[in-house]
PDB file of N, CA and C in Angstrom:
ATOM      1  N   UNK A   1     200.926 253.740 -90.916  1.00  0.00           N
ATOM      2  CA  UNK A   1     200.673 254.187 -89.449  1.00  0.00           C
ATOM      3  C   UNK A   1     202.545 254.816 -89.320  1.00  0.00           C
ATOM      4  N   UNK A   2     203.073 254.470 -90.049  1.00  0.00           N
ATOM      5  CA  UNK A   2     204.907 255.214 -89.603  1.00  0.00           C
ATOM      6  C   UNK A   2     204.576 256.571 -89.522  1.00  0.00           C
ATOM      7  N   UNK A   3     203.572 257.055 -91.038  1.00  0.00           N
ATOM      8  CA  UNK A   3     203.690 258.515 -90.699  1.00  0.00           C
ATOM      9  C   UNK A   3     203.237 259.325 -89.828  1.00  0.00           C
ATOM     10  N   UNK A   4     201.893 258.907 -89.443  1.00  0.00           N
ATOM     11  CA  UNK A   4     201.172 259.210 -88.123  1.00  0.00           C
ATOM     12  C   UNK A   4     202.220 259.510 -87.122  1.00  0.00           C
ATOM     13  N   UNK A   5     202.653 258.230 -86.897  1.00  0.00           N
ATOM     14  CA  UNK A   5     203.786 258.391 -85.773  1.00  0.00           C
ATOM     15  C   UNK A   5     205.182 259.392 -85.809  1.00  0.00           C
ATOM     16  N   UNK A   6     205.407 259.641 -87.141  1.00  0.00           N
ATOM     17  CA  UNK A   6     206.007 260.818 -87.215  1.00  0.00           C
ATOM     18  C   UNK A   6     205.405 261.927 -87.270  1.00  0.00           C
ATOM     19  N   UNK A   7     204.123 262.412 -87.361  1.00  0.00           N
ATOM     20  CA  UNK A   7     203.853 263.329 -86.905  1.00  0.00           C
ATOM     21  C   UNK A   7     203.608 263.942 -85.902  1.00  0.00           C
ATOM     22  N   UNK A   8     202.963 262.473 -84.907  1.00  0.00           N
ATOM     23  CA  UNK A   8     202.962 262.953 -83.725  1.00  0.00           C
ATOM     24  C   UNK A   8     204.038 262.828 -82.419  1.00  0.00           C
ATOM     25  N   UNK A   9     204.935 262.641 -83.391  1.00  0.00           N
ATOM     26  CA  UNK A   9     206.193 262.978 -82.211  1.00  0.00           C
ATOM     27  C   UNK A   9     207.105 264.304 -82.958  1.00  0.00           C
ATOM     28  N   UNK A  10     206.387 264.919 -83.520  1.00  0.00           N
ATOM     29  CA  UNK A  10     207.005 266.515 -83.658  1.00  0.00           C
ATOM     30  C   UNK A  10     207.166 267.046 -82.833  1.00  0.00           C
ATOM     31  N   UNK A  11     207.551 268.419 -82.581  1.00  0.00           N
ATOM     32  CA  UNK A  11     207.083 269.161 -81.599  1.00  0.00           C
ATOM     33  C   UNK A  11     206.310 270.573 -81.641  1.00  0.00           C
ATOM     34  N   UNK A  12     205.296 269.885 -81.628  1.00  0.00           N
ATOM     35  CA  UNK A  12     204.300 271.284 -82.064  1.00  0.00           C
ATOM     36  C   UNK A  12     204.243 271.963 -80.793  1.00  0.00           C
ATOM     37  N   UNK A  13     203.689 273.396 -81.092  1.00  0.00           N
ATOM     38  CA  UNK A  13     203.352 274.197 -79.962  1.00  0.00           C
ATOM     39  C   UNK A  13     202.173 274.118 -79.335  1.00  0.00           C
ATOM     40  N   UNK A  14     202.212 273.832 -78.434  1.00  0.00           N
ATOM     41  CA  UNK A  14     200.909 273.635 -77.600  1.00  0.00           C
ATOM     42  C   UNK A  14     200.547 275.231 -76.681  1.00  0.00           C
ATOM     43  N   UNK A  15     199.287 275.516 -76.566  1.00  0.00           N
ATOM     44  CA  UNK A  15     198.835 276.629 -75.471  1.00  0.00           C
ATOM     45  C   UNK A  15     197.385 275.762 -74.667  1.00  0.00           C
ATOM     46  N   UNK A  16     198.229 276.596 -73.803  1.00  0.00           N
ATOM     47  CA  UNK A  16     196.609 275.845 -72.472  1.00  0.00           C
ATOM     48  C   UNK A  16     196.276 277.094 -72.108  1.00  0.00           C
ATOM     49  N   UNK A  17     195.036 277.442 -71.835  1.00  0.00           N
ATOM     50  CA  UNK A  17     194.973 278.553 -70.891  1.00  0.00           C
ATOM     51  C   UNK A  17     193.391 278.350 -70.529  1.00  0.00           C
ATOM     52  N   UNK A  18     193.300 279.479 -69.424  1.00  0.00           N
ATOM     53  CA  UNK A  18     191.897 279.028 -69.021  1.00  0.00           C
ATOM     54  C   UNK A  18     190.963 279.313 -69.450  1.00  0.00           C
ATOM     55  N   UNK A  19     189.723 278.781 -69.458  1.00  0.00           N
ATOM     56  CA  UNK A  19     188.745 279.108 -70.398  1.00  0.00           C
ATOM     57  C   UNK A  19     187.173 278.719 -69.497  1.00  0.00           C
ATOM     58  N   UNK A  20     186.199 278.984 -70.752  1.00  0.00           N
ATOM     59  CA  UNK A  20     184.900 278.659 -70.306  1.00  0.00           C
ATOM     60  C   UNK A  20     184.593 277.308 -71.254  1.00  0.00           C
ATOM     61  N   UNK A  21     183.716 276.368 -70.792  1.00  0.00           N
ATOM     62  CA  UNK A  21     182.955 275.123 -71.358  1.00  0.00           C
ATOM     63  C   UNK A  21     181.963 275.736 -71.869  1.00  0.00           C
ATOM     64  N   UNK A  22     180.892 274.885 -73.022  1.00  0.00           N
ATOM     65  CA  UNK A  22     179.676 275.711 -73.260  1.00  0.00           C
ATOM     66  C   UNK A  22     178.931 275.563 -72.103  1.00  0.00           C
ATOM     67  N   UNK A  23     178.465 274.566 -71.320  1.00  0.00           N
ATOM     68  CA  UNK A  23     177.995 274.274 -70.683  1.00  0.00           C
ATOM     69  C   UNK A  23     178.034 275.892 -69.035  1.00  0.00           C
ATOM     70  N   UNK A  24     178.841 276.974 -69.249  1.00  0.00           N
ATOM     71  CA  UNK A  24     179.430 277.766 -68.767  1.00  0.00           C
ATOM     72  C   UNK A  24     180.560 277.652 -67.552  1.00  0.00           C
ATOM     73  N   UNK A  25     180.793 275.931 -67.121  1.00  0.00           N
ATOM     74  CA  UNK A  25     181.612 275.756 -66.482  1.00  0.00           C
ATOM     75  C   UNK A  25     183.051 276.057 -66.580  1.00  0.00           C
ATOM     76  N   UNK A  26     184.009 276.349 -65.504  1.00  0.00           N
ATOM     77  CA  UNK A  26     185.504 276.562 -65.896  1.00  0.00           C
ATOM     78  C   UNK A  26     186.407 275.353 -66.103  1.00  0.00           C
ATOM     79  N   UNK A  27     186.936 275.652 -66.536  1.00  0.00           N
ATOM     80  CA  UNK A  27     187.990 274.605 -67.705  1.00  0.00           C
ATOM     81  C   UNK A  27     189.445 275.219 -68.504  1.00  0.00           C
ATOM     82  N   UNK A  28     189.899 274.374 -68.804  1.00  0.00           N
ATOM     83  CA  UNK A  28     191.227 274.722 -69.319  1.00  0.00           C
ATOM     84  C   UNK A  28     190.847 274.392 -70.835  1.00  0.00           C
ATOM     85  N   UNK A  29     191.075 275.217 -71.535  1.00  0.00           N
ATOM     86  CA  UNK A  29     191.995 274.438 -72.935  1.00  0.00           C
ATOM     87  C   UNK A  29     192.847 274.512 -73.897  1.00  0.00           C
ATOM     88  N   UNK A  30     192.938 273.787 -74.671  1.00  0.00           N
ATOM     89  CA  UNK A  30     194.557 273.737 -74.869  1.00  0.00           C
ATOM     90  C   UNK A  30     193.954 273.301 -76.553  1.00  0.00           C
ATOM     91  N   UNK A  31     195.392 273.327 -76.889  1.00  0.00           N
ATOM     92  CA  UNK A  31     195.002 273.574 -78.833  1.00  0.00           C
ATOM     93  C   UNK A  31     196.451 273.569 -79.329  1.00  0.00           C
ATOM     94  N   UNK A  32     196.478 272.886 -80.344  1.00  0.00           N
ATOM     95  CA  UNK A  32     197.952 272.948 -81.340  1.00  0.00           C
ATOM     96  C   UNK A  32     197.869 274.184 -82.390  1.00  0.00           C
ATOM     97  N   UNK A  33     198.694 275.045 -82.044  1.00  0.00           N
ATOM     98  CA  UNK A  33     199.117 275.951 -82.657  1.00  0.00           C
ATOM     99  C   UNK A  33     199.010 275.967 -84.242  1.00  0.00           C
ATOM    100  N   UNK A  34     199.604 275.126 -84.350  1.00  0.00           N
ATOM    101  CA  UNK A  34     200.086 275.025 -85.930  1.00  0.00           C
ATOM    102  C   UNK A  34     199.168 273.871 -86.707  1.00  0.00           C
ATOM    103  N   UNK A  35     198.163 273.126 -86.171  1.00  0.00           N
ATOM    104  CA  UNK A  35     196.656 272.489 -86.328  1.00  0.00           C
ATOM    105  C   UNK A  35     195.810 273.368 -86.298  1.00  0.00           C
ATOM    106  N   UNK A  36     195.081 274.030 -87.326  1.00  0.00           N
ATOM    107  CA  UNK A  36     193.954 274.955 -86.747  1.00  0.00           C
ATOM    108  C   UNK A  36     193.125 274.249 -86.678  1.00  0.00           C
ATOM    109  N   UNK A  37     191.991 274.205 -85.256  1.00  0.00           N
ATOM    110  CA  UNK A  37     190.841 273.426 -85.245  1.00  0.00           C
ATOM    111  C   UNK A  37     191.372 272.220 -84.674  1.00  0.00           C
ATOM    112  N   UNK A  38     192.960 271.858 -84.285  1.00  0.00           N
ATOM    113  CA  UNK A  38     192.827 271.101 -83.335  1.00  0.00           C
ATOM    114  C   UNK A  38     193.057 271.470 -81.735  1.00  0.00           C
ATOM    115  N   UNK A  39     191.699 271.309 -81.328  1.00  0.00           N
ATOM    116  CA  UNK A  39     191.507 271.384 -79.739  1.00  0.00           C
ATOM    117  C   UNK A  39     190.953 270.671 -78.876  1.00  0.00           C
ATOM    118  N   UNK A  40     191.324 270.847 -77.600  1.00  0.00           N
ATOM    119  CA  UNK A  40     190.677 270.017 -76.649  1.00  0.00           C
ATOM    120  C   UNK A  40     190.371 270.407 -74.833  1.00  0.00           C
ATOM    121  N   UNK A  41     189.806 270.365 -74.483  1.00  0.00           N
ATOM    122  CA  UNK A  41     189.800 270.847 -73.159  1.00  0.00           C
ATOM    123  C   UNK A  41     189.749 269.509 -71.751  1.00  0.00           C
ATOM    124  N   UNK A  42     189.771 270.261 -70.411  1.00  0.00           N
ATOM    125  CA  UNK A  42     189.834 269.537 -69.288  1.00  0.00           C
ATOM    126  C   UNK A  42     189.707 270.432 -68.025  1.00  0.00           C
ATOM    127  N   UNK A  43     189.245 269.482 -67.042  1.00  0.00           N
ATOM    128  CA  UNK A  43     189.193 270.203 -65.605  1.00  0.00           C
ATOM    129  C   UNK A  43     190.783 271.096 -65.193  1.00  0.00           C
ATOM    130  N   UNK A  44     191.803 270.168 -65.748  1.00  0.00           N
ATOM    131  CA  UNK A  44     192.963 270.922 -65.105  1.00  0.00           C
ATOM    132  C   UNK A  44     193.858 270.830 -65.800  1.00  0.00           C
ATOM    133  N   UNK A  45     194.759 271.461 -66.077  1.00  0.00           N
ATOM    134  CA  UNK A  45     195.688 271.884 -67.356  1.00  0.00           C
ATOM    135  C   UNK A  45     195.863 270.465 -68.274  1.00  0.00           C
ATOM    136  N   UNK A  46     196.781 269.677 -67.026  1.00  0.00           N
ATOM    137  CA  UNK A  46     197.089 268.385 -67.067  1.00  0.00           C
ATOM    138  C   UNK A  46     196.012 267.232 -67.954  1.00  0.00           C
ATOM    139  N   UNK A  47     194.753 267.183 -67.476  1.00  0.00           N
ATOM    140  CA  UNK A  47     193.977 266.592 -68.278  1.00  0.00           C
ATOM    141  C   UNK A  47     193.691 267.226 -69.319  1.00  0.00           C
ATOM    142  N   UNK A  48     193.557 268.786 -69.589  1.00  0.00           N
ATOM    143  CA  UNK A  48     193.791 268.921 -71.328  1.00  0.00           C
ATOM    144  C   UNK A  48     194.855 268.595 -72.408  1.00  0.00           C
ATOM    145  N   UNK A  49     195.832 268.757 -71.934  1.00  0.00           N
ATOM    146  CA  UNK A  49     197.226 268.271 -72.137  1.00  0.00           C
ATOM    147  C   UNK A  49     196.820 266.917 -73.083  1.00  0.00           C
ATOM    148  N   UNK A  50     196.465 265.880 -72.138  1.00  0.00           N
ATOM    149  CA  UNK A  50     196.018 264.408 -72.267  1.00  0.00           C
ATOM    150  C   UNK A  50     194.756 264.613 -73.561  1.00  0.00           C
ATOM    151  N   UNK A  51     193.848 265.244 -73.138  1.00  0.00           N
ATOM    152  CA  UNK A  51     192.784 265.081 -74.059  1.00  0.00           C
ATOM    153  C   UNK A  51     193.278 265.738 -75.413  1.00  0.00           C
ATOM    154  N   UNK A  52     194.718 266.639 -75.445  1.00  0.00           N
ATOM    155  CA  UNK A  52     194.656 267.362 -76.677  1.00  0.00           C
ATOM    156  C   UNK A  52     195.329 266.124 -77.405  1.00  0.00           C
ATOM    157  N   UNK A  53     196.217 265.704 -76.933  1.00  0.00           N
ATOM    158  CA  UNK A  53     196.917 264.182 -77.590  1.00  0.00           C
ATOM    159  C   UNK A  53     195.838 263.499 -78.515  1.00  0.00           C
ATOM    160  N   UNK A  54     194.882 263.205 -77.456  1.00  0.00           N
ATOM    161  CA  UNK A  54     194.336 262.120 -78.655  1.00  0.00           C
ATOM    162  C   UNK A  54     193.526 262.556 -80.031  1.00  0.00           C
ATOM    163  N   UNK A  55     192.745 264.106 -79.315  1.00  0.00           N
ATOM    164  CA  UNK A  55     192.709 264.898 -80.662  1.00  0.00           C
ATOM    165  C   UNK A  55     193.660 265.278 -81.962  1.00  0.00           C
ATOM    166  N   UNK A  56     194.661 265.301 -81.458  1.00  0.00           N
ATOM    167  CA  UNK A  56     196.493 265.600 -82.599  1.00  0.00           C
ATOM    168  C   UNK A  56     196.356 264.394 -83.186  1.00  0.00           C
ATOM    169  N   UNK A  57     195.923 263.320 -82.518  1.00  0.00           N
ATOM    170  CA  UNK A  57     195.797 261.612 -83.250  1.00  0.00           C
ATOM    171  C   UNK A  57     194.743 262.000 -84.423  1.00  0.00           C
ATOM    172  N   UNK A  58     193.464 261.941 -83.907  1.00  0.00           N
ATOM    173  CA  UNK A  58     192.708 262.056 -84.659  1.00  0.00           C
ATOM    174  C   UNK A  58     192.878 262.716 -85.726  1.00  0.00           C
ATOM    175  N   UNK A  59     193.346 264.258 -85.511  1.00  0.00           N
ATOM    176  CA  UNK A  59     193.193 265.172 -86.453  1.00  0.00           C
ATOM    177  C   UNK A  59     194.347 264.424 -87.638  1.00  0.00           C
ATOM    178  N   UNK A  60     195.299 264.669 -87.134  1.00  0.00           N
ATOM    179  CA  UNK A  60     196.605 263.878 -88.035  1.00  0.00           C
ATOM    180  C   UNK A  60     196.254 262.785 -88.898  1.00  0.00           C
ATOM    181  N   UNK A  61     195.452 261.817 -88.469  1.00  0.00           N
ATOM    182  CA  UNK A  61     195.037 260.910 -88.815  1.00  0.00           C
ATOM    183  C   UNK A  61     193.908 261.168 -90.326  1.00  0.00           C
ATOM    184  N   UNK A  62     192.890 262.269 -90.041  1.00  0.00           N
ATOM    185  CA  UNK A  62     192.001 262.726 -90.844  1.00  0.00           C
ATOM    186  C   UNK A  62     192.493 263.220 -91.743  1.00  0.00           C
ATOM    187  N   UNK A  63     193.467 264.237 -91.908  1.00  0.00           N
ATOM    188  CA  UNK A  63     194.560 265.020 -92.748  1.00  0.00           C
ATOM    189  C   UNK A  63     194.982 264.078 -93.639  1.00  0.00           C
ATOM    190  N   UNK A  64     195.740 262.948 -93.332  1.00  0.00           N
ATOM    191  CA  UNK A  64     196.709 261.844 -93.858  1.00  0.00           C
ATOM    192  C   UNK A  64     195.622 261.068 -94.774  1.00  0.00           C
ATOM    193  N   UNK A  65     194.903 260.504 -93.796  1.00  0.00           N
ATOM    194  CA  UNK A  65     193.363 259.818 -94.641  1.00  0.00           C
ATOM    195  C   UNK A  65     192.836 260.321 -96.132  1.00  0.00           C
ATOM    196  N   UNK A  66     193.195 261.576 -96.075  1.00  0.00           N
ATOM    197  CA  UNK A  66     192.171 262.664 -96.906  1.00  0.00           C
ATOM    198  C   UNK A  66     193.584 262.995 -98.026  1.00  0.00           C
ATOM    199  N   UNK A  67     194.877 262.214 -97.700  1.00  0.00           N
ATOM    200  CA  UNK A  67     196.124 262.739 -98.712  1.00  0.00           C
ATOM    201  C   UNK A  67     196.772 264.054 -98.221  1.00  0.00           C
ATOM    202  N   UNK A  68     196.179 264.572 -97.302  1.00  0.00           N
ATOM    203  CA  UNK A  68     196.694 266.220 -96.837  1.00  0.00           C
ATOM    204  C   UNK A  68     197.783 266.315 -95.961  1.00  0.00           C
ATOM    205  N   UNK A  69     199.636 267.041 -96.515  1.00  0.00           N
ATOM    206  CA  UNK A  69     200.369 266.597 -96.001  1.00  0.00           C
ATOM    207  C   UNK A  69     199.867 267.737 -94.349  1.00  0.00           C
ATOM    208  N   UNK A  70     200.335 267.036 -93.087  1.00  0.00           N
ATOM    209  CA  UNK A  70     199.857 267.965 -92.123  1.00  0.00           C
ATOM    210  C   UNK A  70     201.244 269.087 -92.160  1.00  0.00           C
ATOM    211  N   UNK A  71     200.858 270.474 -91.467  1.00  0.00           N
ATOM    212  CA  UNK A  71     201.715 271.196 -91.610  1.00  0.00           C
ATOM    213  C   UNK A  71     202.898 270.888 -90.477  1.00  0.00           C
ATOM    214  N   UNK A  72     203.982 271.236 -90.157  1.00  0.00           N
ATOM    215  CA  UNK A  72     205.152 271.541 -89.912  1.00  0.00           C
ATOM    216  C   UNK A  72     205.172 271.956 -88.488  1.00  0.00           C
ATOM    217  N   UNK A  73     205.392 271.862 -87.217  1.00  0.00           N
ATOM    218  CA  UNK A  73     205.721 272.803 -86.340  1.00  0.00           C
ATOM    219  C   UNK A  73     206.356 274.145 -86.703  1.00  0.00           C
ATOM    220  N   UNK A  74     206.103 274.908 -86.094  1.00  0.00           N
ATOM    221  CA  UNK A  74     206.655 276.311 -86.354  1.00  0.00           C
ATOM    222  C   UNK A  74     207.859 276.649 -85.308  1.00  0.00           C
ATOM    223  N   UNK A  75     208.211 275.924 -84.376  1.00  0.00           N
ATOM    224  CA  UNK A  75     209.178 275.589 -83.231  1.00  0.00           C
ATOM    225  C   UNK A  75     208.957 274.875 -82.400  1.00  0.00           C
ATOM    226  N   UNK A  76     210.083 274.133 -81.188  1.00  0.00           N
ATOM    227  CA  UNK A  76     209.937 273.311 -80.721  1.00  0.00           C
ATOM    228  C   UNK A  76     209.780 273.640 -79.505  1.00  0.00           C
ATOM    229  N   UNK A  77     209.451 274.957 -79.125  1.00  0.00           N
ATOM    230  CA  UNK A  77     208.934 275.628 -77.636  1.00  0.00           C
ATOM    231  C   UNK A  77     207.465 275.286 -77.885  1.00  0.00           C
ATOM    232  N   UNK A  78     206.954 274.913 -76.109  1.00  0.00           N
ATOM    233  CA  UNK A  78     205.627 274.799 -75.737  1.00  0.00           C
ATOM    234  C   UNK A  78     205.368 275.801 -75.635  1.00  0.00           C
ATOM    235  N   UNK A  79     204.134 276.432 -75.697  1.00  0.00           N
ATOM    236  CA  UNK A  79     203.623 277.828 -74.969  1.00  0.00           C
ATOM    237  C   UNK A  79     202.698 277.637 -74.393  1.00  0.00           C
ATOM    238  N   UNK A  80     202.508 277.995 -73.005  1.00  0.00           N
ATOM    239  CA  UNK A  80     201.437 277.421 -71.608  1.00  0.00           C
ATOM    240  C   UNK A  80     201.044 278.801 -71.580  1.00  0.00           C
TER     241      UNK A  80
END
């Protein structure tokens, strides 16, 4: 668990953009730039970011469980 906590605390680059959900409604899409496929969405930018934190935890847990070292953050800056 300490290794997961280490990666969760790293300053990954986050992008949040307006988008469209699968049902056609408007939402905000959030993704971790360095973790290909680690994405989430929400009705507001804040909700998308909160949902992304859970997605990031599950994504990193999966990599570590499979013995894959997660990539490190490219920069300490968050992109919005």
